[in-house]
C-alpha cells in the first residue's frame, strides 16, 4: 500500500515518484483483476483526498504569507510583491497534478466494477 504522504517523502523527484505511483497502480490493477476492490478502492480515495488537501492547504498558507507592499494605484489598489515558492514544492505540485487524475481513474474504475459486480467488494 502507498503511504498517505508518499508524495512529500524524500527523495522528492518526479521520476522516482512516478515509478512509485505506477507500481501502486499495477497493484490496484492486479487486485481488480482478481475481483478484489478492498482495500485499494477506499485507500485510493483517501490518497486522492490527501493530495487535494495538501494542495488546497498549501495555497491557503501561501496566500496568507505577509507580502511587501511595492506600490499603490487608485485604479488597482495596493500592489504586493510575490512570495516565491521553493523549487521542491513546485516539484511536489507537479507530482500531485500528475498523480491525481491517474488515481481518480482507478477509483472510477473500481466503482464501475462494484456497480457491475457488487459481490466483488472483498
N, C-alpha and C. Protein backbone atom coordinates (compact mmCIF):
# COMPACT_ATOMS: atom_id res chain seq x y z
N UNK A 1 0.85 -1.19 0.00
CA UNK A 1 0.00 0.00 0.00
C UNK A 1 0.89 1.24 0.00
N UNK A 2 0.39 2.23 -0.65
CA UNK A 2 1.08 3.51 -0.75
C UNK A 2 0.79 4.32 0.51
N UNK A 3 1.83 4.93 1.08
CA UNK A 3 1.64 5.75 2.27
C UNK A 3 0.87 7.02 1.90
N UNK A 4 0.15 7.57 2.87
CA UNK A 4 -0.64 8.77 2.60
C UNK A 4 0.23 9.97 2.24
N UNK A 5 1.44 10.00 2.75
CA UNK A 5 2.32 11.14 2.48
C UNK A 5 3.43 10.77 1.50
N UNK A 6 3.19 9.82 0.63
CA UNK A 6 4.20 9.32 -0.29
C UNK A 6 4.77 10.41 -1.19
N UNK A 7 3.97 11.38 -1.54
CA UNK A 7 4.38 12.41 -2.49
C UNK A 7 5.29 13.47 -1.87
N UNK A 8 5.37 13.54 -0.53
CA UNK A 8 6.26 14.51 0.12
C UNK A 8 7.43 13.84 0.83
N UNK A 9 7.46 12.51 0.84
CA UNK A 9 8.60 11.81 1.43
C UNK A 9 9.82 11.98 0.54
N UNK A 10 10.99 11.97 1.16
CA UNK A 10 12.22 12.07 0.38
C UNK A 10 12.53 10.75 -0.28
N UNK A 11 13.15 10.74 -1.41
CA UNK A 11 13.56 11.89 -2.21
C UNK A 11 12.39 12.47 -2.98
N UNK A 12 12.42 13.76 -3.13
CA UNK A 12 11.39 14.43 -3.93
C UNK A 12 11.93 14.55 -5.35
N UNK A 13 11.53 13.61 -6.14
CA UNK A 13 11.98 13.53 -7.53
C UNK A 13 10.81 13.02 -8.35
N UNK A 14 10.45 13.76 -9.38
CA UNK A 14 9.27 13.43 -10.18
C UNK A 14 9.37 12.02 -10.76
N UNK A 15 10.51 11.68 -11.33
CA UNK A 15 10.66 10.37 -11.97
C UNK A 15 10.55 9.24 -10.94
N UNK A 16 11.17 9.41 -9.79
CA UNK A 16 11.10 8.41 -8.72
C UNK A 16 9.66 8.24 -8.24
N UNK A 17 8.98 9.33 -8.01
CA UNK A 17 7.58 9.27 -7.55
C UNK A 17 6.69 8.65 -8.63
N UNK A 18 7.03 8.88 -9.89
CA UNK A 18 6.27 8.28 -10.97
C UNK A 18 6.37 6.75 -10.91
N UNK A 19 7.56 6.24 -10.67
CA UNK A 19 7.74 4.79 -10.54
C UNK A 19 6.95 4.23 -9.36
N UNK A 20 6.97 4.96 -8.25
CA UNK A 20 6.21 4.52 -7.07
C UNK A 20 4.72 4.49 -7.40
N UNK A 21 4.23 5.53 -8.05
CA UNK A 21 2.82 5.60 -8.42
C UNK A 21 2.45 4.47 -9.38
N UNK A 22 3.26 4.24 -10.38
CA UNK A 22 2.96 3.19 -11.36
C UNK A 22 2.98 1.80 -10.72
N UNK A 23 3.85 1.60 -9.75
CA UNK A 23 3.85 0.32 -9.02
C UNK A 23 2.54 0.15 -8.24
N UNK A 24 2.10 1.21 -7.58
CA UNK A 24 0.84 1.15 -6.85
C UNK A 24 -0.33 0.93 -7.79
N UNK A 25 -0.33 1.59 -8.93
CA UNK A 25 -1.41 1.42 -9.91
C UNK A 25 -1.44 -0.01 -10.42
N UNK A 26 -0.27 -0.63 -10.61
CA UNK A 26 -0.25 -2.03 -11.04
C UNK A 26 -0.79 -2.95 -9.95
N UNK A 27 -0.56 -2.61 -8.68
CA UNK A 27 -1.16 -3.37 -7.58
C UNK A 27 -2.68 -3.26 -7.62
N UNK A 28 -3.18 -2.07 -7.89
CA UNK A 28 -4.63 -1.86 -7.99
C UNK A 28 -5.18 -2.71 -9.14
N UNK A 29 -4.52 -2.64 -10.29
CA UNK A 29 -4.98 -3.41 -11.45
C UNK A 29 -5.01 -4.90 -11.16
N UNK A 30 -3.98 -5.41 -10.49
CA UNK A 30 -3.95 -6.83 -10.13
C UNK A 30 -5.07 -7.19 -9.17
N UNK A 31 -5.32 -6.30 -8.21
CA UNK A 31 -6.39 -6.54 -7.25
C UNK A 31 -7.75 -6.55 -7.95
N UNK A 32 -7.98 -5.58 -8.83
CA UNK A 32 -9.24 -5.52 -9.56
C UNK A 32 -9.39 -6.74 -10.47
N UNK A 33 -8.30 -7.18 -11.08
CA UNK A 33 -8.35 -8.34 -11.96
C UNK A 33 -8.69 -9.61 -11.19
N UNK A 34 -8.29 -9.64 -9.92
CA UNK A 34 -8.62 -10.78 -9.05
C UNK A 34 -9.96 -10.61 -8.35
N UNK A 35 -10.73 -9.64 -8.81
CA UNK A 35 -12.08 -9.36 -8.27
C UNK A 35 -12.04 -8.97 -6.80
N UNK A 36 -11.05 -8.16 -6.43
CA UNK A 36 -10.96 -7.64 -5.06
C UNK A 36 -10.84 -6.12 -5.13
N UNK A 37 -11.84 -5.45 -4.62
CA UNK A 37 -11.79 -3.99 -4.57
C UNK A 37 -11.20 -3.50 -3.25
N UNK A 38 -11.38 -4.28 -2.22
CA UNK A 38 -10.89 -3.92 -0.91
C UNK A 38 -9.45 -4.38 -0.76
N UNK A 39 -8.55 -3.64 -0.24
CA UNK A 39 -8.65 -2.31 0.38
C UNK A 39 -8.29 -1.17 -0.56
N UNK A 40 -7.99 -1.48 -1.82
CA UNK A 40 -7.44 -0.46 -2.72
C UNK A 40 -8.42 0.65 -3.07
N UNK A 41 -9.67 0.33 -3.26
CA UNK A 41 -10.63 1.35 -3.68
C UNK A 41 -10.73 2.46 -2.64
N UNK A 42 -11.01 2.11 -1.41
CA UNK A 42 -11.17 3.13 -0.37
C UNK A 42 -9.86 3.82 -0.03
N UNK A 43 -8.76 3.06 -0.06
CA UNK A 43 -7.46 3.65 0.24
C UNK A 43 -7.07 4.66 -0.85
N UNK A 44 -7.37 4.34 -2.09
CA UNK A 44 -7.05 5.26 -3.18
C UNK A 44 -7.89 6.53 -3.07
N UNK A 45 -9.12 6.41 -2.62
CA UNK A 45 -9.93 7.60 -2.37
C UNK A 45 -9.27 8.48 -1.30
N UNK A 46 -8.77 7.83 -0.27
CA UNK A 46 -8.09 8.58 0.79
C UNK A 46 -6.81 9.25 0.26
N UNK A 47 -6.08 8.56 -0.60
CA UNK A 47 -4.88 9.15 -1.19
C UNK A 47 -5.21 10.39 -2.01
N UNK A 48 -6.25 10.31 -2.82
CA UNK A 48 -6.66 11.46 -3.63
C UNK A 48 -7.10 12.61 -2.73
N UNK A 49 -7.79 12.29 -1.66
CA UNK A 49 -8.20 13.31 -0.70
C UNK A 49 -6.98 14.00 -0.09
N UNK A 50 -5.95 13.23 0.25
CA UNK A 50 -4.73 13.80 0.82
C UNK A 50 -4.02 14.71 -0.18
N UNK A 51 -3.98 14.29 -1.44
CA UNK A 51 -3.37 15.13 -2.48
C UNK A 51 -4.10 16.47 -2.58
N UNK A 52 -5.43 16.42 -2.58
CA UNK A 52 -6.23 17.65 -2.68
C UNK A 52 -6.04 18.53 -1.45
N UNK A 53 -6.06 17.91 -0.28
CA UNK A 53 -5.88 18.68 0.95
C UNK A 53 -4.53 19.36 1.00
N UNK A 54 -3.50 18.65 0.58
CA UNK A 54 -2.16 19.24 0.58
C UNK A 54 -2.13 20.49 -0.30
N UNK A 55 -2.62 20.34 -1.50
CA UNK A 55 -2.57 21.47 -2.44
C UNK A 55 -3.42 22.64 -1.95
N UNK A 56 -4.62 22.36 -1.49
CA UNK A 56 -5.51 23.43 -1.00
C UNK A 56 -4.91 24.13 0.21
N UNK A 57 -4.40 23.34 1.16
CA UNK A 57 -3.85 23.93 2.38
C UNK A 57 -2.57 24.72 2.09
N UNK A 58 -1.75 24.24 1.17
CA UNK A 58 -0.55 25.00 0.83
C UNK A 58 -0.93 26.32 0.18
N UNK A 59 -1.91 26.30 -0.70
CA UNK A 59 -2.33 27.54 -1.35
C UNK A 59 -2.89 28.53 -0.33
N UNK A 60 -3.65 28.05 0.65
CA UNK A 60 -4.14 28.93 1.72
C UNK A 60 -2.98 29.51 2.51
N UNK A 61 -2.01 28.66 2.84
CA UNK A 61 -0.84 29.12 3.58
C UNK A 61 -0.05 30.15 2.77
N UNK A 62 0.17 29.84 1.51
CA UNK A 62 0.96 30.73 0.65
C UNK A 62 0.27 32.09 0.51
N UNK A 63 -1.04 32.08 0.35
CA UNK A 63 -1.78 33.33 0.21
C UNK A 63 -1.83 34.14 1.50
N UNK A 64 -1.64 33.48 2.64
CA UNK A 64 -1.70 34.19 3.91
C UNK A 64 -0.35 34.78 4.33
N UNK A 65 0.72 34.43 3.60
CA UNK A 65 2.03 34.98 3.95
C UNK A 65 2.05 36.48 3.78
N UNK A 66 2.75 37.14 4.67
CA UNK A 66 2.87 38.59 4.57
C UNK A 66 3.74 38.93 3.37
N UNK A 67 3.25 39.87 2.60
CA UNK A 67 3.96 40.28 1.39
C UNK A 67 4.32 41.75 1.53
N UNK A 68 5.41 42.11 0.92
CA UNK A 68 5.83 43.51 0.94
C UNK A 68 4.98 44.33 -0.02
N UNK A 69 4.65 45.53 0.40
CA UNK A 69 3.91 46.44 -0.46
C UNK A 69 4.92 47.08 -1.42
N UNK A 70 4.66 46.96 -2.72
CA UNK A 70 5.58 47.52 -3.71
C UNK A 70 5.00 48.74 -4.42
N UNK A 71 3.73 48.98 -4.24
CA UNK A 71 3.16 50.14 -4.90
C UNK A 71 1.68 50.29 -4.60
N UNK A 72 1.14 51.39 -5.07
CA UNK A 72 -0.27 51.66 -4.88
C UNK A 72 -0.79 52.40 -6.10
N UNK A 73 -1.99 52.03 -6.50
CA UNK A 73 -2.64 52.71 -7.61
C UNK A 73 -4.10 52.90 -7.22
N UNK A 74 -4.65 54.06 -7.54
CA UNK A 74 -6.05 54.30 -7.22
C UNK A 74 -6.97 53.38 -8.03
N UNK A 75 -6.51 52.94 -9.18
CA UNK A 75 -7.33 52.06 -10.01
C UNK A 75 -7.29 50.61 -9.54
N UNK A 76 -6.09 50.12 -9.20
CA UNK A 76 -5.98 48.70 -8.85
C UNK A 76 -5.72 48.45 -7.38
N UNK A 77 -5.50 49.49 -6.61
CA UNK A 77 -5.28 49.32 -5.17
C UNK A 77 -3.82 49.03 -4.85
N UNK A 78 -3.60 48.35 -3.74
CA UNK A 78 -2.24 48.06 -3.27
C UNK A 78 -1.66 46.91 -4.09
N UNK A 79 -0.40 47.07 -4.47
CA UNK A 79 0.31 46.01 -5.19
C UNK A 79 1.32 45.40 -4.24
N UNK A 80 1.29 44.07 -4.16
CA UNK A 80 2.18 43.34 -3.26
C UNK A 80 3.23 42.58 -4.07
N UNK A 81 4.37 42.35 -3.44
CA UNK A 81 5.39 41.52 -4.07
C UNK A 81 4.97 40.06 -3.98
N UNK A 82 5.47 39.27 -4.89
CA UNK A 82 5.16 37.84 -4.90
C UNK A 82 6.10 37.10 -3.95
N UNK A 83 5.56 36.17 -3.20
CA UNK A 83 6.37 35.31 -2.34
C UNK A 83 6.71 34.08 -3.17
N UNK A 84 8.00 33.83 -3.33
CA UNK A 84 8.41 32.73 -4.19
C UNK A 84 8.15 31.38 -3.53
N UNK A 85 7.86 30.40 -4.36
CA UNK A 85 7.63 29.04 -3.91
C UNK A 85 8.91 28.26 -4.16
N UNK A 86 9.41 27.55 -3.14
CA UNK A 86 10.64 26.78 -3.31
C UNK A 86 10.51 25.74 -4.43
N UNK A 87 11.64 25.45 -5.06
CA UNK A 87 11.66 24.54 -6.21
C UNK A 87 11.11 23.15 -5.85
N UNK A 88 11.43 22.66 -4.67
CA UNK A 88 10.96 21.33 -4.26
C UNK A 88 9.44 21.31 -4.11
N UNK A 89 8.87 22.40 -3.64
CA UNK A 89 7.41 22.48 -3.50
C UNK A 89 6.76 22.48 -4.87
N UNK A 90 7.37 23.18 -5.81
CA UNK A 90 6.84 23.18 -7.18
C UNK A 90 6.90 21.76 -7.78
N UNK A 91 7.96 21.02 -7.45
CA UNK A 91 8.06 19.65 -7.93
C UNK A 91 7.00 18.76 -7.28
N UNK A 92 6.71 19.02 -6.02
CA UNK A 92 5.63 18.28 -5.34
C UNK A 92 4.30 18.57 -6.03
N UNK A 93 4.07 19.83 -6.40
CA UNK A 93 2.84 20.17 -7.12
C UNK A 93 2.76 19.44 -8.45
N UNK A 94 3.88 19.30 -9.15
CA UNK A 94 3.89 18.53 -10.39
C UNK A 94 3.51 17.08 -10.14
N UNK A 95 4.04 16.52 -9.06
CA UNK A 95 3.73 15.13 -8.70
C UNK A 95 2.24 15.00 -8.39
N UNK A 96 1.71 15.94 -7.62
CA UNK A 96 0.29 15.91 -7.26
C UNK A 96 -0.58 16.04 -8.50
N UNK A 97 -0.26 17.00 -9.36
CA UNK A 97 -1.07 17.24 -10.56
C UNK A 97 -1.00 16.06 -11.53
N UNK A 98 0.11 15.36 -11.56
CA UNK A 98 0.25 14.19 -12.42
C UNK A 98 -0.49 12.98 -11.83
N UNK A 99 -0.39 12.80 -10.53
CA UNK A 99 -0.90 11.60 -9.87
C UNK A 99 -2.41 11.59 -9.68
N UNK A 100 -2.95 12.74 -9.38
CA UNK A 100 -4.37 12.81 -9.03
C UNK A 100 -5.30 12.25 -10.12
N UNK A 101 -5.17 12.62 -11.39
CA UNK A 101 -6.08 12.06 -12.41
C UNK A 101 -5.91 10.56 -12.60
N UNK A 102 -4.70 10.07 -12.44
CA UNK A 102 -4.46 8.62 -12.59
C UNK A 102 -5.18 7.87 -11.48
N UNK A 103 -5.03 8.36 -10.26
CA UNK A 103 -5.69 7.69 -9.13
C UNK A 103 -7.21 7.83 -9.21
N UNK A 104 -7.69 8.99 -9.64
CA UNK A 104 -9.13 9.18 -9.79
C UNK A 104 -9.71 8.22 -10.83
N UNK A 105 -8.96 7.94 -11.89
CA UNK A 105 -9.42 6.99 -12.90
C UNK A 105 -9.54 5.59 -12.31
N UNK A 106 -8.64 5.22 -11.41
CA UNK A 106 -8.71 3.91 -10.77
C UNK A 106 -9.89 3.83 -9.80
N UNK A 107 -10.19 4.93 -9.16
CA UNK A 107 -11.37 4.98 -8.28
C UNK A 107 -12.64 4.80 -9.11
N UNK A 108 -12.71 5.52 -10.21
CA UNK A 108 -13.87 5.43 -11.10
C UNK A 108 -14.04 4.00 -11.61
N UNK A 109 -12.94 3.38 -12.03
CA UNK A 109 -12.99 2.00 -12.49
C UNK A 109 -13.47 1.07 -11.37
N UNK A 110 -12.96 1.28 -10.17
CA UNK A 110 -13.38 0.45 -9.04
C UNK A 110 -14.87 0.54 -8.77
N UNK A 111 -15.43 1.74 -8.83
CA UNK A 111 -16.87 1.88 -8.61
C UNK A 111 -17.68 1.32 -9.77
N UNK A 112 -17.15 1.39 -10.98
CA UNK A 112 -17.83 0.77 -12.10
C UNK A 112 -17.86 -0.76 -11.93
N UNK A 113 -16.75 -1.32 -11.49
CA UNK A 113 -16.71 -2.76 -11.23
C UNK A 113 -17.66 -3.15 -10.11
N UNK A 114 -17.70 -2.33 -9.07
CA UNK A 114 -18.59 -2.62 -7.94
C UNK A 114 -20.05 -2.54 -8.36
N UNK A 115 -20.36 -1.59 -9.22
CA UNK A 115 -21.73 -1.45 -9.69
C UNK A 115 -22.13 -2.65 -10.57
N UNK A 116 -21.20 -3.07 -11.40
CA UNK A 116 -21.48 -4.19 -12.30
C UNK A 116 -21.47 -5.53 -11.57
N UNK A 117 -20.53 -5.68 -10.65
CA UNK A 117 -20.38 -6.94 -9.89
C UNK A 117 -20.32 -6.61 -8.40
N UNK A 118 -21.46 -6.37 -7.75
CA UNK A 118 -21.43 -5.95 -6.34
C UNK A 118 -20.84 -6.99 -5.39
N UNK A 119 -20.74 -8.23 -5.80
CA UNK A 119 -20.21 -9.26 -4.94
C UNK A 119 -18.68 -9.25 -4.87
N UNK A 120 -17.98 -8.42 -5.65
CA UNK A 120 -16.53 -8.47 -5.67
C UNK A 120 -15.87 -7.49 -4.70
N UNK A 121 -16.61 -6.94 -3.75
CA UNK A 121 -16.03 -5.98 -2.84
C UNK A 121 -14.89 -6.57 -2.05
N UNK A 122 -15.01 -7.82 -1.60
CA UNK A 122 -13.95 -8.44 -0.80
C UNK A 122 -13.34 -9.61 -1.53
